[in-house]
PDB file of N, CA and C in Angstrom:
ATOM      1  N   MET A   1       0.745  -1.109   0.063  1.00  0.00           N
ATOM      2  CA  MET A   1       0.461  -0.201   0.072  1.00  0.00           C
ATOM      3  C   MET A   1       0.944   1.101   0.078  1.00  0.00           C
ATOM      4  N   LEU A   2       0.507   2.084  -1.024  1.00  0.00           N
ATOM      5  CA  LEU A   2       1.205   3.506  -0.967  1.00  0.00           C
ATOM      6  C   LEU A   2       0.777   4.363  -0.086  1.00  0.00           C
ATOM      7  N   LYS A   3       1.766   4.847   0.731  1.00  0.00           N
ATOM      8  CA  LYS A   3       1.326   5.875   1.980  1.00  0.00           C
ATOM      9  C   LYS A   3       1.873   7.306   1.502  1.00  0.00           C
ATOM     10  N   ILE A   4       1.176   8.447   1.748  1.00  0.00           N
ATOM     11  CA  ILE A   4       1.738   9.803   1.190  1.00  0.00           C
ATOM     12  C   ILE A   4       1.694  10.313   2.609  1.00  0.00           C
ATOM     13  N   ASN A   5       3.212  10.469   2.666  1.00  0.00           N
ATOM     14  CA  ASN A   5       3.732  11.700   3.769  1.00  0.00           C
ATOM     15  C   ASN A   5       3.874  12.639   3.568  1.00  0.00           C
ATOM     16  N   LEU A   6       3.083  13.337   2.781  1.00  0.00           N
ATOM     17  CA  LEU A   6       3.681  14.841   2.011  1.00  0.00           C
ATOM     18  C   LEU A   6       1.971  15.675   2.267  1.00  0.00           C
ATOM     19  N   SER A   7       1.315  15.171   3.527  1.00  0.00           N
ATOM     20  CA  SER A   7      -0.023  15.465   3.373  1.00  0.00           C
ATOM     21  C   SER A   7      -0.432  17.021   3.540  1.00  0.00           C
ATOM     22  N   LEU A   8       0.693  17.870   4.206  1.00  0.00           N
ATOM     23  CA  LEU A   8       0.906  19.054   4.387  1.00  0.00           C
ATOM     24  C   LEU A   8       1.085  19.803   3.074  1.00  0.00           C
ATOM     25  N   ILE A   9       1.615  19.456   2.217  1.00  0.00           N
ATOM     26  CA  ILE A   9       2.283  20.137   1.107  1.00  0.00           C
ATOM     27  C   ILE A   9       1.326  19.832   0.397  1.00  0.00           C
ATOM     28  N   LEU A  10       0.251  18.957   0.187  1.00  0.00           N
ATOM     29  CA  LEU A  10      -1.010  18.291  -0.519  1.00  0.00           C
ATOM     30  C   LEU A  10      -2.045  19.702   0.080  1.00  0.00           C
ATOM     31  N   VAL A  11      -2.415  19.881   1.368  1.00  0.00           N
ATOM     32  CA  VAL A  11      -3.243  20.980   1.980  1.00  0.00           C
ATOM     33  C   VAL A  11      -2.605  22.243   1.225  1.00  0.00           C
ATOM     34  N   ILE A  12      -1.263  22.881   1.224  1.00  0.00           N
ATOM     35  CA  ILE A  12      -1.119  23.992   0.882  1.00  0.00           C
ATOM     36  C   ILE A  12      -0.862  24.091  -0.758  1.00  0.00           C
ATOM     37  N   GLY A  13      -0.865  23.319  -1.553  1.00  0.00           N
ATOM     38  CA  GLY A  13      -1.040  23.181  -3.003  1.00  0.00           C
ATOM     39  C   GLY A  13      -2.901  23.014  -3.275  1.00  0.00           C
ATOM     40  N   LEU A  14      -3.351  22.232  -2.652  1.00  0.00           N
ATOM     41  CA  LEU A  14      -4.604  22.973  -2.645  1.00  0.00           C
ATOM     42  C   LEU A  14      -5.136  24.104  -2.891  1.00  0.00           C
ATOM     43  N   SER A  15      -4.818  24.851  -1.562  1.00  0.00           N
ATOM     44  CA  SER A  15      -5.185  25.853  -1.245  1.00  0.00           C
ATOM     45  C   SER A  15      -4.701  27.102  -1.960  1.00  0.00           C
ATOM     46  N   SER A  16      -3.740  26.634  -2.473  1.00  0.00           N
ATOM     47  CA  SER A  16      -3.112  27.623  -3.639  1.00  0.00           C
ATOM     48  C   SER A  16      -4.169  27.865  -4.786  1.00  0.00           C
ATOM     49  N   LEU A  17      -4.861  26.780  -5.585  1.00  0.00           N
ATOM     50  CA  LEU A  17      -5.710  27.027  -6.635  1.00  0.00           C
ATOM     51  C   LEU A  17      -6.818  27.745  -6.591  1.00  0.00           C
ATOM     52  N   SER A  18      -7.097  29.000  -5.809  1.00  0.00           N
ATOM     53  CA  SER A  18      -8.091  30.093  -5.666  1.00  0.00           C
ATOM     54  C   SER A  18      -7.452  30.963  -6.746  1.00  0.00           C
ATOM     55  N   VAL A  19      -6.096  31.082  -6.730  1.00  0.00           N
ATOM     56  CA  VAL A  19      -5.449  32.065  -7.597  1.00  0.00           C
ATOM     57  C   VAL A  19      -5.783  31.928  -8.896  1.00  0.00           C
ATOM     58  N   TYR A  20      -6.268  30.851  -9.833  1.00  0.00           N
ATOM     59  CA  TYR A  20      -6.529  30.741 -10.938  1.00  0.00           C
ATOM     60  C   TYR A  20      -7.959  31.328 -11.043  1.00  0.00           C
ATOM     61  N   SER A  21      -9.139  30.891  -9.909  1.00  0.00           N
ATOM     62  CA  SER A  21     -10.309  31.445 -10.341  1.00  0.00           C
ATOM     63  C   SER A  21     -10.382  33.232 -10.297  1.00  0.00           C
ATOM     64  N   LEU A  22      -9.590  34.015  -8.880  1.00  0.00           N
ATOM     65  CA  LEU A  22      -9.129  35.368  -9.344  1.00  0.00           C
ATOM     66  C   LEU A  22      -8.979  35.727 -10.352  1.00  0.00           C
ATOM     67  N   LEU A  23      -7.709  35.283 -11.313  1.00  0.00           N
ATOM     68  CA  LEU A  23      -7.634  35.802 -12.226  1.00  0.00           C
ATOM     69  C   LEU A  23      -8.401  35.556 -13.475  1.00  0.00           C
ATOM     70  N   GLY A  24      -8.854  34.698 -13.473  1.00  0.00           N
ATOM     71  CA  GLY A  24      -9.925  34.029 -14.794  1.00  0.00           C
ATOM     72  C   GLY A  24     -10.932  34.957 -14.466  1.00  0.00           C
ATOM     73  N   SER A  25     -11.612  35.456 -13.032  1.00  0.00           N
ATOM     74  CA  SER A  25     -12.822  36.425 -13.079  1.00  0.00           C
ATOM     75  C   SER A  25     -12.336  37.795 -13.847  1.00  0.00           C
ATOM     76  N   GLY A  26     -11.231  37.965 -12.864  1.00  0.00           N
ATOM     77  CA  GLY A  26     -10.689  39.324 -13.755  1.00  0.00           C
ATOM     78  C   GLY A  26     -10.497  39.624 -15.269  1.00  0.00           C
ATOM     79  N   TRP A  27      -9.955  38.263 -15.790  1.00  0.00           N
ATOM     80  CA  TRP A  27      -9.830  38.552 -17.095  1.00  0.00           C
ATOM     81  C   TRP A  27     -11.083  38.095 -18.277  1.00  0.00           C
ATOM     82  N   SER A  28     -12.301  37.577 -17.668  1.00  0.00           N
ATOM     83  CA  SER A  28     -13.372  37.436 -18.468  1.00  0.00           C
ATOM     84  C   SER A  28     -14.328  38.503 -18.405  1.00  0.00           C
ATOM     85  N   SER A  29     -13.946  39.534 -17.802  1.00  0.00           N
ATOM     86  CA  SER A  29     -14.929  40.748 -17.512  1.00  0.00           C
ATOM     87  C   SER A  29     -14.387  41.464 -18.587  1.00  0.00           C
ATOM     88  N   ASN A  30     -13.371  41.432 -19.627  1.00  0.00           N
ATOM     89  CA  ASN A  30     -13.301  42.284 -20.227  1.00  0.00           C
ATOM     90  C   ASN A  30     -13.032  43.637 -20.321  1.00  0.00           C
ATOM     91  N   SER A  31     -12.577  44.052 -18.860  1.00  0.00           N
ATOM     92  CA  SER A  31     -12.433  45.345 -18.485  1.00  0.00           C
ATOM     93  C   SER A  31     -11.180  45.489 -17.835  1.00  0.00           C
ATOM     94  N   ASN A  32     -10.309  46.178 -18.539  1.00  0.00           N
ATOM     95  CA  ASN A  32      -8.706  46.135 -17.884  1.00  0.00           C
ATOM     96  C   ASN A  32      -8.838  46.603 -16.618  1.00  0.00           C
ATOM     97  N   TYR A  33      -9.719  47.238 -15.936  1.00  0.00           N
ATOM     98  CA  TYR A  33      -9.383  47.849 -14.582  1.00  0.00           C
ATOM     99  C   TYR A  33     -10.027  46.550 -13.678  1.00  0.00           C
ATOM    100  N   SER A  34     -10.896  45.415 -13.778  1.00  0.00           N
ATOM    101  CA  SER A  34     -10.966  44.354 -13.570  1.00  0.00           C
ATOM    102  C   SER A  34      -9.767  43.607 -13.383  1.00  0.00           C
ATOM    103  N   PHE A  35      -9.514  43.187 -14.582  1.00  0.00           N
ATOM    104  CA  PHE A  35      -8.010  42.395 -14.840  1.00  0.00           C
ATOM    105  C   PHE A  35      -6.836  42.911 -13.960  1.00  0.00           C
ATOM    106  N   LEU A  36      -6.705  44.679 -13.758  1.00  0.00           N
ATOM    107  CA  LEU A  36      -5.780  44.924 -12.996  1.00  0.00           C
ATOM    108  C   LEU A  36      -6.004  44.625 -11.206  1.00  0.00           C
ATOM    109  N   GLY A  37      -7.115  44.551 -11.109  1.00  0.00           N
ATOM    110  CA  GLY A  37      -7.971  44.157  -9.645  1.00  0.00           C
ATOM    111  C   GLY A  37      -7.413  43.076  -9.116  1.00  0.00           C
ATOM    112  N   ALA A  38      -7.762  42.199 -10.578  1.00  0.00           N
ATOM    113  CA  ALA A  38      -7.348  40.498 -10.195  1.00  0.00           C
ATOM    114  C   ALA A  38      -5.967  40.452 -10.103  1.00  0.00           C
ATOM    115  N   VAL A  39      -5.159  41.023 -11.033  1.00  0.00           N
ATOM    116  CA  VAL A  39      -3.789  40.919 -10.857  1.00  0.00           C
ATOM    117  C   VAL A  39      -3.367  41.241  -9.548  1.00  0.00           C
ATOM    118  N   ARG A  40      -3.823  42.462  -8.960  1.00  0.00           N
ATOM    119  CA  ARG A  40      -3.709  42.842  -7.656  1.00  0.00           C
ATOM    120  C   ARG A  40      -3.787  41.932  -6.523  1.00  0.00           C
ATOM    121  N   ALA A  41      -5.276  41.135  -6.453  1.00  0.00           N
ATOM    122  CA  ALA A  41      -5.513  40.259  -5.741  1.00  0.00           C
ATOM    123  C   ALA A  41      -4.810  38.883  -5.685  1.00  0.00           C
ATOM    124  N   VAL A  42      -4.170  38.730  -7.298  1.00  0.00           N
ATOM    125  CA  VAL A  42      -3.221  37.630  -6.990  1.00  0.00           C
ATOM    126  C   VAL A  42      -2.283  37.546  -6.475  1.00  0.00           C
ATOM    127  N   ALA A  43      -1.584  38.774  -6.148  1.00  0.00           N
ATOM    128  CA  ALA A  43      -0.189  39.244  -5.582  1.00  0.00           C
ATOM    129  C   ALA A  43      -0.515  39.087  -4.702  1.00  0.00           C
ATOM    130  N   GLN A  44      -1.523  39.853  -4.095  1.00  0.00           N
ATOM    131  CA  GLN A  44      -1.646  39.434  -2.677  1.00  0.00           C
ATOM    132  C   GLN A  44      -2.081  38.129  -1.853  1.00  0.00           C
ATOM    133  N   THR A  45      -2.964  37.253  -3.044  1.00  0.00           N
ATOM    134  CA  THR A  45      -2.804  36.264  -2.341  1.00  0.00           C
ATOM    135  C   THR A  45      -1.531  35.266  -2.185  1.00  0.00           C
ATOM    136  N   ILE A  46      -0.976  35.226  -3.271  1.00  0.00           N
ATOM    137  CA  ILE A  46       0.541  35.184  -3.055  1.00  0.00           C
ATOM    138  C   ILE A  46       1.169  34.959  -2.166  1.00  0.00           C
ATOM    139  N   SER A  47       1.194  36.434  -1.807  1.00  0.00           N
ATOM    140  CA  SER A  47       1.943  36.766  -0.505  1.00  0.00           C
ATOM    141  C   SER A  47       1.897  36.331   0.718  1.00  0.00           C
ATOM    142  N   TYR A  48       0.502  36.359   0.674  1.00  0.00           N
ATOM    143  CA  TYR A  48      -0.043  35.663   2.187  1.00  0.00           C
ATOM    144  C   TYR A  48       0.249  33.957   2.255  1.00  0.00           C
ATOM    145  N   GLU A  49       0.289  33.558   0.785  1.00  0.00           N
ATOM    146  CA  GLU A  49       0.510  32.006   0.862  1.00  0.00           C
ATOM    147  C   GLU A  49       1.917  31.902   1.630  1.00  0.00           C
ATOM    148  N   ILE A  50       2.865  32.812   0.829  1.00  0.00           N
ATOM    149  CA  ILE A  50       4.128  32.679   1.054  1.00  0.00           C
ATOM    150  C   ILE A  50       4.523  32.585   2.544  1.00  0.00           C
ATOM    151  N   SER A  51       4.055  33.575   3.240  1.00  0.00           N
ATOM    152  CA  SER A  51       3.983  33.528   4.175  1.00  0.00           C
ATOM    153  C   SER A  51       3.436  32.606   5.631  1.00  0.00           C
ATOM    154  N   LEU A  52       2.320  32.179   5.183  1.00  0.00           N
ATOM    155  CA  LEU A  52       1.762  30.910   5.548  1.00  0.00           C
ATOM    156  C   LEU A  52       2.554  29.651   5.379  1.00  0.00           C
ATOM    157  N   GLY A  53       3.201  29.313   4.110  1.00  0.00           N
ATOM    158  CA  GLY A  53       4.348  28.649   3.729  1.00  0.00           C
ATOM    159  C   GLY A  53       5.425  28.318   4.622  1.00  0.00           C
ATOM    160  N   LEU A  54       6.106  29.516   5.263  1.00  0.00           N
ATOM    161  CA  LEU A  54       6.848  29.834   6.157  1.00  0.00           C
ATOM    162  C   LEU A  54       6.758  29.340   7.391  1.00  0.00           C
ATOM    163  N   ILE A  55       5.659  29.911   7.801  1.00  0.00           N
ATOM    164  CA  ILE A  55       5.042  29.425   9.146  1.00  0.00           C
ATOM    165  C   ILE A  55       4.854  27.859   9.050  1.00  0.00           C
ATOM    166  N   LEU A  56       4.526  27.390   8.197  1.00  0.00           N
ATOM    167  CA  LEU A  56       4.021  25.977   8.402  1.00  0.00           C
ATOM    168  C   LEU A  56       5.442  25.215   7.855  1.00  0.00           C
ATOM    169  N   LEU A  57       6.509  25.468   7.247  1.00  0.00           N
ATOM    170  CA  LEU A  57       7.414  24.975   7.291  1.00  0.00           C
ATOM    171  C   LEU A  57       8.521  24.801   8.430  1.00  0.00           C
ATOM    172  N   ARG A  58       7.870  25.800   9.666  1.00  0.00           N
ATOM    173  CA  ARG A  58       8.760  26.152  11.047  1.00  0.00           C
ATOM    174  C   ARG A  58       8.019  25.102  11.895  1.00  0.00           C
ATOM    175  N   VAL A  59       6.824  24.569  11.878  1.00  0.00           N
ATOM    176  CA  VAL A  59       6.368  23.417  12.251  1.00  0.00           C
ATOM    177  C   VAL A  59       6.634  22.260  11.892  1.00  0.00           C
ATOM    178  N   VAL A  60       7.012  22.332  10.601  1.00  0.00           N
ATOM    179  CA  VAL A  60       7.419  20.940   9.777  1.00  0.00           C
ATOM    180  C   VAL A  60       8.647  20.720  10.431  1.00  0.00           C
ATOM    181  N   ILE A  61       9.998  21.552  10.878  1.00  0.00           N
ATOM    182  CA  ILE A  61      10.945  21.641  11.102  1.00  0.00           C
ATOM    183  C   ILE A  61      10.946  21.032  12.833  1.00  0.00           C
ATOM    184  N   PHE A  62      10.141  21.506  13.676  1.00  0.00           N
ATOM    185  CA  PHE A  62      10.106  21.445  15.164  1.00  0.00           C
ATOM    186  C   PHE A  62       9.446  20.017  15.137  1.00  0.00           C
ATOM    187  N   SER A  63       8.422  19.474  14.574  1.00  0.00           N
ATOM    188  CA  SER A  63       7.350  18.439  14.707  1.00  0.00           C
ATOM    189  C   SER A  63       8.452  17.100  13.783  1.00  0.00           C
ATOM    190  N   GLY A  64       9.173  17.356  13.112  1.00  0.00           N
ATOM    191  CA  GLY A  64      10.375  16.132  12.285  1.00  0.00           C
ATOM    192  C   GLY A  64       8.973  15.464  11.436  1.00  0.00           C
ATOM    193  N   GLY A  65       8.280  16.283  10.454  1.00  0.00           N
ATOM    194  CA  GLY A  65       7.842  15.697   9.405  1.00  0.00           C
ATOM    195  C   GLY A  65       6.376  16.315   8.942  1.00  0.00           C
ATOM    196  N   PHE A  66       6.226  15.323   7.631  1.00  0.00           N
ATOM    197  CA  PHE A  66       5.375  16.515   7.170  1.00  0.00           C
ATOM    198  C   PHE A  66       4.034  15.906   7.302  1.00  0.00           C
ATOM    199  N   ARG A  67       3.642  14.517   7.702  1.00  0.00           N
ATOM    200  CA  ARG A  67       2.499  13.763   8.028  1.00  0.00           C
ATOM    201  C   ARG A  67       1.813  14.571   9.017  1.00  0.00           C
ATOM    202  N   MET A  68       0.544  14.411   9.107  1.00  0.00           N
ATOM    203  CA  MET A  68      -0.265  15.209  10.312  1.00  0.00           C
ATOM    204  C   MET A  68      -0.262  14.450  11.649  1.00  0.00           C
ATOM    205  N   GLU A  69      -0.101  13.332  11.502  1.00  0.00           N
ATOM    206  CA  GLU A  69      -0.110  12.590  12.388  1.00  0.00           C
ATOM    207  C   GLU A  69       1.350  12.633  13.382  1.00  0.00           C
ATOM    208  N   VAL A  70       2.268  12.962  12.463  1.00  0.00           N
ATOM    209  CA  VAL A  70       3.431  13.343  13.240  1.00  0.00           C
ATOM    210  C   VAL A  70       3.588  14.476  13.940  1.00  0.00           C
ATOM    211  N   ILE A  71       2.773  15.673  13.083  1.00  0.00           N
ATOM    212  CA  ILE A  71       2.475  16.780  13.720  1.00  0.00           C
ATOM    213  C   ILE A  71       1.933  16.412  14.960  1.00  0.00           C
ATOM    214  N   GLU A  72       0.960  16.006  15.118  1.00  0.00           N
ATOM    215  CA  GLU A  72      -0.131  15.673  16.235  1.00  0.00           C
ATOM    216  C   GLU A  72       0.378  15.344  17.306  1.00  0.00           C
ATOM    217  N   ARG A  73       1.288  14.377  17.120  1.00  0.00           N
ATOM    218  CA  ARG A  73       2.366  13.345  17.851  1.00  0.00           C
ATOM    219  C   ARG A  73       3.213  14.559  18.612  1.00  0.00           C
ATOM    220  N   SER A  74       3.866  15.229  17.784  1.00  0.00           N
ATOM    221  CA  SER A  74       4.778  15.974  18.530  1.00  0.00           C
ATOM    222  C   SER A  74       4.147  17.032  19.725  1.00  0.00           C
ATOM    223  N   GLN A  75       2.797  17.310  19.265  1.00  0.00           N
ATOM    224  CA  GLN A  75       2.161  18.509  20.031  1.00  0.00           C
ATOM    225  C   GLN A  75       1.657  17.794  21.091  1.00  0.00           C
ATOM    226  N   LYS A  76       1.198  16.493  21.286  1.00  0.00           N
ATOM    227  CA  LYS A  76       1.093  15.660  22.606  1.00  0.00           C
ATOM    228  C   LYS A  76       2.090  15.478  23.431  1.00  0.00           C
ATOM    229  N   ASN A  77       3.399  15.192  22.987  1.00  0.00           N
ATOM    230  CA  ASN A  77       4.278  15.296  23.559  1.00  0.00           C
ATOM    231  C   ASN A  77       4.892  16.484  24.473  1.00  0.00           C
ATOM    232  N   SER A  78       4.569  17.914  23.813  1.00  0.00           N
ATOM    233  CA  SER A  78       4.946  18.816  24.648  1.00  0.00           C
ATOM    234  C   SER A  78       4.091  19.159  26.057  1.00  0.00           C
TER     235      SER A  78
END
């Protein structure tokens, strides 16, 4: 049986898919200002995701693994 031990990376990857809907909605309106606003929203979303990724990287380093079970076990031991 194949065990995926990168569940935290999967969560981060799935949460970053919202960027495409933001950009697509601005592009489909056929207005330059809406597209510019969508590009601004995408840049803001990406900057928040970078900081969230760095915070989660710190959790991974201190817990010792990417799996949610490992993170949960390290919190119980503290």
